[in-house]
Amino acid sequence: MAEWCGRAVESGAKVLHVDVMDGHFVDNLTMGPDMVRALRAELPQVFLDVHLMVTNPERFVEPFAKAGADHITFHIEVAPPGELRALADAVRAMGKTAGIAINPPTPVDRLWPAADAFDLTLVMSVNPGRGGQAFIVETLEKTRAVRERYGTDMRVEMDGGIGPGNARLVRDSGCDVLVAGSSFFGQPPERWAGILESLQD
């Protein structure tokens, strides 16, 4: 994992996005704090963007922060706005930045009571839990709404089905952080630098 992530950074990746799934909020089960700790040890300068697709983020924020995460995102769907805002404050108190994520079926106005407490909004452009899904183009309406509402005060990230074929469309909708999984790691490493060039503006 460290070798491939290191090659990704050498190819021009600015951030490593770590998807964490608890087998409850989504069906799949993936890596825990030890993976982040190991990546931090091997790649001390890389920015680690941890995406908690979990039902109880309050249980996981501190372990991932201590393991070396630079940024932690959790979902609008898991708690009421007041609890989410308090958790964002807790993340910042640990010296990290905080993000709020929204799934494709969730109306964008669910964000408004809490999103201003966060540094980043992550708009999922696929239903979370599995890689390799098709991009849901209608989710771009959410990125436009977030960008229009918060301007340059908010980073806007999109994750799911993003590759060279739709990267410009995603950027033009207001996103300034693009997550590429299958479209990047599914290709030979000698193509990675070119893929990253096509993803970045």
C-alpha atoms as a PDB file:
ATOM      1  CA  MET A   1       0.000   0.000   0.000  1.00  0.00           C
ATOM      2  CA  ALA A   2       2.788   2.407   0.945  1.00  0.00           C
ATOM      3  CA  GLU A   3       4.608   1.699  -2.322  1.00  0.00           C
ATOM      4  CA  TRP A   4       1.554   2.413  -4.472  1.00  0.00           C
ATOM      5  CA  CYS A   5       0.538   5.475  -2.478  1.00  0.00           C
ATOM      6  CA  GLY A   6       4.105   6.767  -2.667  1.00  0.00           C
ATOM      7  CA  ARG A   7       4.100   6.331  -6.434  1.00  0.00           C
ATOM      8  CA  ALA A   8       0.788   8.185  -6.613  1.00  0.00           C
ATOM      9  CA  VAL A   9       2.277  11.138  -4.751  1.00  0.00           C
ATOM     10  CA  GLU A  10       5.379  11.049  -6.965  1.00  0.00           C
ATOM     11  CA  SER A  11       3.048  11.127  -9.980  1.00  0.00           C
ATOM     12  CA  GLY A  12       1.484  14.378  -8.739  1.00  0.00           C
ATOM     13  CA  ALA A  13      -1.310  13.446  -6.311  1.00  0.00           C
ATOM     14  CA  LYS A  14      -1.785  16.258  -3.794  1.00  0.00           C
ATOM     15  CA  VAL A  15      -3.798  14.283  -1.228  1.00  0.00           C
ATOM     16  CA  LEU A  16      -4.443  10.672  -0.274  1.00  0.00           C
ATOM     17  CA  HIS A  17      -8.151  10.070   0.345  1.00  0.00           C
ATOM     18  CA  VAL A  18      -8.723   7.238   2.834  1.00  0.00           C
ATOM     19  CA  ASP A  19     -12.205   5.695   2.709  1.00  0.00           C
ATOM     20  CA  VAL A  20     -13.243   4.211   6.048  1.00  0.00           C
ATOM     21  CA  MET A  21     -16.354   2.007   6.148  1.00  0.00           C
ATOM     22  CA  ASP A  22     -17.832   0.392   9.240  1.00  0.00           C
ATOM     23  CA  GLY A  23     -20.046  -2.321   7.720  1.00  0.00           C
ATOM     24  CA  HIS A  24     -23.073  -0.499   9.146  1.00  0.00           C
ATOM     25  CA  PHE A  25     -23.490   2.945   7.587  1.00  0.00           C
ATOM     26  CA  VAL A  26     -22.433   1.191   4.372  1.00  0.00           C
ATOM     27  CA  ASP A  27     -22.276  -2.549   3.738  1.00  0.00           C
ATOM     28  CA  ASN A  28     -18.557  -2.723   3.105  1.00  0.00           C
ATOM     29  CA  LEU A  29     -15.848  -2.885   5.781  1.00  0.00           C
ATOM     30  CA  THR A  30     -12.475  -1.246   5.175  1.00  0.00           C
ATOM     31  CA  MET A  31      -9.349   0.090   6.839  1.00  0.00           C
ATOM     32  CA  GLY A  32      -8.939   1.473  10.339  1.00  0.00           C
ATOM     33  CA  PRO A  33      -6.565   3.831  12.166  1.00  0.00           C
ATOM     34  CA  ASP A  34      -3.620   1.447  11.795  1.00  0.00           C
ATOM     35  CA  MET A  35      -3.665   1.956   8.017  1.00  0.00           C
ATOM     36  CA  VAL A  36      -3.488   5.727   8.499  1.00  0.00           C
ATOM     37  CA  ARG A  37      -0.716   5.297  11.083  1.00  0.00           C
ATOM     38  CA  ALA A  38       1.294   3.159   8.659  1.00  0.00           C
ATOM     39  CA  LEU A  39       0.799   5.592   5.760  1.00  0.00           C
ATOM     40  CA  ARG A  40       1.841   8.493   7.980  1.00  0.00           C
ATOM     41  CA  ALA A  41       5.033   6.651   8.969  1.00  0.00           C
ATOM     42  CA  GLU A  42       5.925   5.851   5.353  1.00  0.00           C
ATOM     43  CA  LEU A  43       4.781   9.151   3.819  1.00  0.00           C
ATOM     44  CA  PRO A  44       5.261  11.782   6.531  1.00  0.00           C
ATOM     45  CA  GLN A  45       4.695  14.792   4.262  1.00  0.00           C
ATOM     46  CA  VAL A  46       1.517  13.656   2.483  1.00  0.00           C
ATOM     47  CA  PHE A  47      -1.874  15.152   3.339  1.00  0.00           C
ATOM     48  CA  LEU A  48      -4.209  12.389   4.581  1.00  0.00           C
ATOM     49  CA  ASP A  49      -7.889  13.072   3.928  1.00  0.00           C
ATOM     50  CA  VAL A  50      -9.923  10.559   5.975  1.00  0.00           C
ATOM     51  CA  HIS A  51     -13.548   9.988   4.955  1.00  0.00           C
ATOM     52  CA  LEU A  52     -15.542   8.307   7.732  1.00  0.00           C
ATOM     53  CA  MET A  53     -18.484   6.422   6.223  1.00  0.00           C
ATOM     54  CA  VAL A  54     -19.551   5.324   9.692  1.00  0.00           C
ATOM     55  CA  THR A  55     -22.683   5.466  11.838  1.00  0.00           C
ATOM     56  CA  ASN A  56     -20.949   6.789  14.981  1.00  0.00           C
ATOM     57  CA  PRO A  57     -18.191   9.185  13.899  1.00  0.00           C
ATOM     58  CA  GLU A  58     -17.654  10.401  17.459  1.00  0.00           C
ATOM     59  CA  ARG A  59     -16.088   7.003  18.224  1.00  0.00           C
ATOM     60  CA  PHE A  60     -13.587   7.240  15.379  1.00  0.00           C
ATOM     61  CA  VAL A  61     -12.498  10.862  15.123  1.00  0.00           C
ATOM     62  CA  GLU A  62      -9.894  10.782  17.901  1.00  0.00           C
ATOM     63  CA  PRO A  63      -8.298   7.441  16.893  1.00  0.00           C
ATOM     64  CA  PHE A  64      -7.849   8.627  13.303  1.00  0.00           C
ATOM     65  CA  ALA A  65      -6.600  12.044  14.403  1.00  0.00           C
ATOM     66  CA  LYS A  66      -4.002  10.438  16.666  1.00  0.00           C
ATOM     67  CA  ALA A  67      -3.032   8.041  13.866  1.00  0.00           C
ATOM     68  CA  GLY A  68      -2.033  10.964  11.644  1.00  0.00           C
ATOM     69  CA  ALA A  69      -5.065  12.132   9.665  1.00  0.00           C
ATOM     70  CA  ASP A  70      -4.835  15.763   8.542  1.00  0.00           C
ATOM     71  CA  HIS A  71      -8.512  16.104   7.670  1.00  0.00           C
ATOM     72  CA  ILE A  72     -11.586  14.151   8.798  1.00  0.00           C
ATOM     73  CA  THR A  73     -14.959  14.093   7.026  1.00  0.00           C
ATOM     74  CA  PHE A  74     -18.144  12.457   8.302  1.00  0.00           C
ATOM     75  CA  HIS A  75     -21.717  12.316   7.010  1.00  0.00           C
ATOM     76  CA  ILE A  76     -24.664  14.676   7.412  1.00  0.00           C
ATOM     77  CA  GLU A  77     -26.948  11.625   7.536  1.00  0.00           C
ATOM     78  CA  VAL A  78     -25.647  10.245  10.857  1.00  0.00           C
ATOM     79  CA  ALA A  79     -26.560  12.931  13.417  1.00  0.00           C
ATOM     80  CA  PRO A  80     -28.587  16.122  13.960  1.00  0.00           C
ATOM     81  CA  PRO A  81     -26.969  19.472  13.097  1.00  0.00           C
ATOM     82  CA  GLY A  82     -26.046  20.402  16.675  1.00  0.00           C
ATOM     83  CA  GLU A  83     -24.107  17.181  17.220  1.00  0.00           C
ATOM     84  CA  LEU A  84     -22.347  17.543  13.887  1.00  0.00           C
ATOM     85  CA  ARG A  85     -21.291  21.105  14.684  1.00  0.00           C
ATOM     86  CA  ALA A  86     -19.942  20.021  18.062  1.00  0.00           C
ATOM     87  CA  LEU A  87     -18.002  17.211  16.424  1.00  0.00           C
ATOM     88  CA  ALA A  88     -16.531  19.655  13.896  1.00  0.00           C
ATOM     89  CA  ASP A  89     -15.311  21.757  16.836  1.00  0.00           C
ATOM     90  CA  ALA A  90     -13.770  18.635  18.407  1.00  0.00           C
ATOM     91  CA  VAL A  91     -11.922  17.834  15.180  1.00  0.00           C
ATOM     92  CA  ARG A  92     -10.486  21.353  15.036  1.00  0.00           C
ATOM     93  CA  ALA A  93      -9.488  21.186  18.689  1.00  0.00           C
ATOM     94  CA  MET A  94      -7.247  18.262  17.691  1.00  0.00           C
ATOM     95  CA  GLY A  95      -5.565  20.446  15.073  1.00  0.00           C
ATOM     96  CA  LYS A  96      -7.328  18.923  12.057  1.00  0.00           C
ATOM     97  CA  THR A  97      -9.719  20.308   9.484  1.00  0.00           C
ATOM     98  CA  ALA A  98     -13.290  19.013   9.359  1.00  0.00           C
ATOM     99  CA  GLY A  99     -15.553  18.046   6.474  1.00  0.00           C
ATOM    100  CA  ILE A 100     -19.206  17.137   6.047  1.00  0.00           C
ATOM    101  CA  ALA A 101     -20.331  14.643   3.393  1.00  0.00           C
ATOM    102  CA  ILE A 102     -23.697  14.144   1.711  1.00  0.00           C
ATOM    103  CA  ASN A 103     -24.984  11.083  -0.157  1.00  0.00           C
ATOM    104  CA  PRO A 104     -26.742  11.224  -3.553  1.00  0.00           C
ATOM    105  CA  PRO A 105     -30.308  10.633  -2.255  1.00  0.00           C
ATOM    106  CA  THR A 106     -30.044  13.243   0.526  1.00  0.00           C
ATOM    107  CA  PRO A 107     -31.509  16.681  -0.332  1.00  0.00           C
ATOM    108  CA  VAL A 108     -28.882  19.409  -0.388  1.00  0.00           C
ATOM    109  CA  ASP A 109     -30.802  21.569   2.076  1.00  0.00           C
ATOM    110  CA  ARG A 110     -29.962  19.040   4.810  1.00  0.00           C
ATOM    111  CA  LEU A 111     -26.490  20.630   4.737  1.00  0.00           C
ATOM    112  CA  TRP A 112     -27.468  24.201   5.520  1.00  0.00           C
ATOM    113  CA  PRO A 113     -28.023  23.975   9.316  1.00  0.00           C
ATOM    114  CA  ALA A 114     -24.517  22.545   9.848  1.00  0.00           C
ATOM    115  CA  ALA A 115     -22.241  23.074   6.836  1.00  0.00           C
ATOM    116  CA  ASP A 116     -20.945  26.512   7.832  1.00  0.00           C
ATOM    117  CA  ALA A 117     -19.206  24.826  10.792  1.00  0.00           C
ATOM    118  CA  PHE A 118     -16.986  22.871   8.400  1.00  0.00           C
ATOM    119  CA  ASP A 119     -13.968  23.566   6.200  1.00  0.00           C
ATOM    120  CA  LEU A 120     -15.056  21.270   3.362  1.00  0.00           C
ATOM    121  CA  THR A 121     -18.207  19.741   1.912  1.00  0.00           C
ATOM    122  CA  LEU A 122     -17.854  16.352   0.224  1.00  0.00           C
ATOM    123  CA  VAL A 123     -20.568  15.607  -2.331  1.00  0.00           C
ATOM    124  CA  MET A 124     -20.789  11.896  -3.071  1.00  0.00           C
ATOM    125  CA  SER A 125     -21.365  11.328  -6.780  1.00  0.00           C
ATOM    126  CA  VAL A 126     -22.055   7.610  -6.242  1.00  0.00           C
ATOM    127  CA  ASN A 127     -23.803   5.775  -3.425  1.00  0.00           C
ATOM    128  CA  PRO A 128     -21.043   5.074  -0.908  1.00  0.00           C
ATOM    129  CA  GLY A 129     -19.688   1.643  -0.131  1.00  0.00           C
ATOM    130  CA  ARG A 130     -18.194   0.292  -3.369  1.00  0.00           C
ATOM    131  CA  GLY A 131     -15.637   1.518  -5.873  1.00  0.00           C
ATOM    132  CA  GLY A 132     -16.087   1.477  -9.622  1.00  0.00           C
ATOM    133  CA  GLN A 133     -19.660   2.803  -9.736  1.00  0.00           C
ATOM    134  CA  ALA A 134     -21.030   5.038 -12.486  1.00  0.00           C
ATOM    135  CA  PHE A 135     -20.994   8.788 -11.895  1.00  0.00           C
ATOM    136  CA  ILE A 136     -24.407  10.290 -11.002  1.00  0.00           C
ATOM    137  CA  VAL A 137     -24.444  13.530 -12.976  1.00  0.00           C
ATOM    138  CA  GLU A 138     -27.381  14.992 -11.031  1.00  0.00           C
ATOM    139  CA  THR A 139     -25.155  15.328  -7.956  1.00  0.00           C
ATOM    140  CA  LEU A 140     -23.414  18.249  -9.656  1.00  0.00           C
ATOM    141  CA  GLU A 141     -26.440  20.352  -8.693  1.00  0.00           C
ATOM    142  CA  LYS A 142     -25.340  19.977  -5.069  1.00  0.00           C
ATOM    143  CA  THR A 143     -21.779  21.100  -5.727  1.00  0.00           C
ATOM    144  CA  ARG A 144     -23.096  24.169  -7.538  1.00  0.00           C
ATOM    145  CA  ALA A 145     -25.437  24.949  -4.643  1.00  0.00           C
ATOM    146  CA  VAL A 146     -22.654  24.624  -2.049  1.00  0.00           C
ATOM    147  CA  ARG A 147     -20.264  26.784  -4.080  1.00  0.00           C
ATOM    148  CA  GLU A 148     -22.940  29.436  -4.654  1.00  0.00           C
ATOM    149  CA  ARG A 149     -23.852  29.536  -0.973  1.00  0.00           C
ATOM    150  CA  TYR A 150     -20.333  29.607   0.534  1.00  0.00           C
ATOM    151  CA  GLY A 151     -18.155  31.014  -2.228  1.00  0.00           C
ATOM    152  CA  THR A 152     -14.432  30.572  -1.648  1.00  0.00           C
ATOM    153  CA  ASP A 153     -14.900  30.087   2.109  1.00  0.00           C
ATOM    154  CA  MET A 154     -15.636  26.394   1.592  1.00  0.00           C
ATOM    155  CA  ARG A 155     -13.598  23.671  -0.090  1.00  0.00           C
ATOM    156  CA  VAL A 156     -15.877  21.483  -2.226  1.00  0.00           C
ATOM    157  CA  GLU A 157     -14.875  17.877  -2.818  1.00  0.00           C
ATOM    158  CA  MET A 158     -16.491  15.228  -5.012  1.00  0.00           C
ATOM    159  CA  ASP A 159     -15.949  11.485  -4.829  1.00  0.00           C
ATOM    160  CA  GLY A 160     -17.253   8.683  -7.023  1.00  0.00           C
ATOM    161  CA  GLY A 161     -16.911   7.817 -10.676  1.00  0.00           C
ATOM    162  CA  ILE A 162     -14.522  10.704 -11.428  1.00  0.00           C
ATOM    163  CA  GLY A 163     -11.930  10.376 -14.169  1.00  0.00           C
ATOM    164  CA  PRO A 164     -10.413  12.236 -17.114  1.00  0.00           C
ATOM    165  CA  GLY A 165     -13.677  12.083 -19.039  1.00  0.00           C
ATOM    166  CA  ASN A 166     -15.705  14.133 -16.557  1.00  0.00           C
ATOM    167  CA  ALA A 167     -13.096  16.002 -14.489  1.00  0.00           C
ATOM    168  CA  ARG A 168     -13.642  19.332 -16.238  1.00  0.00           C
ATOM    169  CA  LEU A 169     -17.394  19.056 -15.753  1.00  0.00           C
ATOM    170  CA  VAL A 170     -16.818  18.404 -12.047  1.00  0.00           C
ATOM    171  CA  ARG A 171     -14.392  21.322 -11.689  1.00  0.00           C
ATOM    172  CA  ASP A 172     -16.736  23.645 -13.583  1.00  0.00           C
ATOM    173  CA  SER A 173     -19.522  22.764 -11.130  1.00  0.00           C
ATOM    174  CA  GLY A 174     -17.510  24.298  -8.291  1.00  0.00           C
ATOM    175  CA  CYS A 175     -15.365  21.427  -7.024  1.00  0.00           C
ATOM    176  CA  ASP A 176     -11.765  22.128  -6.098  1.00  0.00           C
ATOM    177  CA  VAL A 177     -10.951  18.693  -4.638  1.00  0.00           C
ATOM    178  CA  LEU A 178     -11.476  15.660  -6.908  1.00  0.00           C
ATOM    179  CA  VAL A 179     -11.157  12.097  -5.649  1.00  0.00           C
ATOM    180  CA  ALA A 180     -10.185   9.462  -8.223  1.00  0.00           C
ATOM    181  CA  GLY A 181      -9.996   5.803  -7.267  1.00  0.00           C
ATOM    182  CA  SER A 182     -10.683   3.205  -9.946  1.00  0.00           C
ATOM    183  CA  SER A 183      -9.943   5.597 -12.820  1.00  0.00           C
ATOM    184  CA  PHE A 184      -6.469   6.143 -11.362  1.00  0.00           C
ATOM    185  CA  PHE A 185      -5.336   2.982  -9.547  1.00  0.00           C
ATOM    186  CA  GLY A 186      -7.058   0.820 -12.160  1.00  0.00           C
ATOM    187  CA  GLN A 187      -4.540   2.004 -14.758  1.00  0.00           C
ATOM    188  CA  PRO A 188      -0.838   1.122 -15.104  1.00  0.00           C
ATOM    189  CA  PRO A 189       1.419   3.363 -12.979  1.00  0.00           C
ATOM    190  CA  GLU A 190       3.142   4.748 -16.051  1.00  0.00           C
ATOM    191  CA  ARG A 191      -0.167   6.440 -16.949  1.00  0.00           C
ATOM    192  CA  TRP A 192      -0.768   8.000 -13.529  1.00  0.00           C
ATOM    193  CA  ALA A 193       0.976  11.312 -14.136  1.00  0.00           C
ATOM    194  CA  GLY A 194      -1.042  11.902 -17.304  1.00  0.00           C
ATOM    195  CA  ILE A 195      -4.291  11.000 -15.542  1.00  0.00           C
ATOM    196  CA  LEU A 196      -3.533  13.440 -12.748  1.00  0.00           C
ATOM    197  CA  GLU A 197      -2.777  16.187 -15.240  1.00  0.00           C
ATOM    198  CA  SER A 198      -6.193  15.654 -16.795  1.00  0.00           C
ATOM    199  CA  LEU A 199      -7.889  15.751 -13.380  1.00  0.00           C
ATOM    200  CA  GLN A 200      -6.192  18.942 -12.219  1.00  0.00           C
ATOM    201  CA  ASP A 201      -6.930  22.359 -13.625  1.00  0.00           C
END
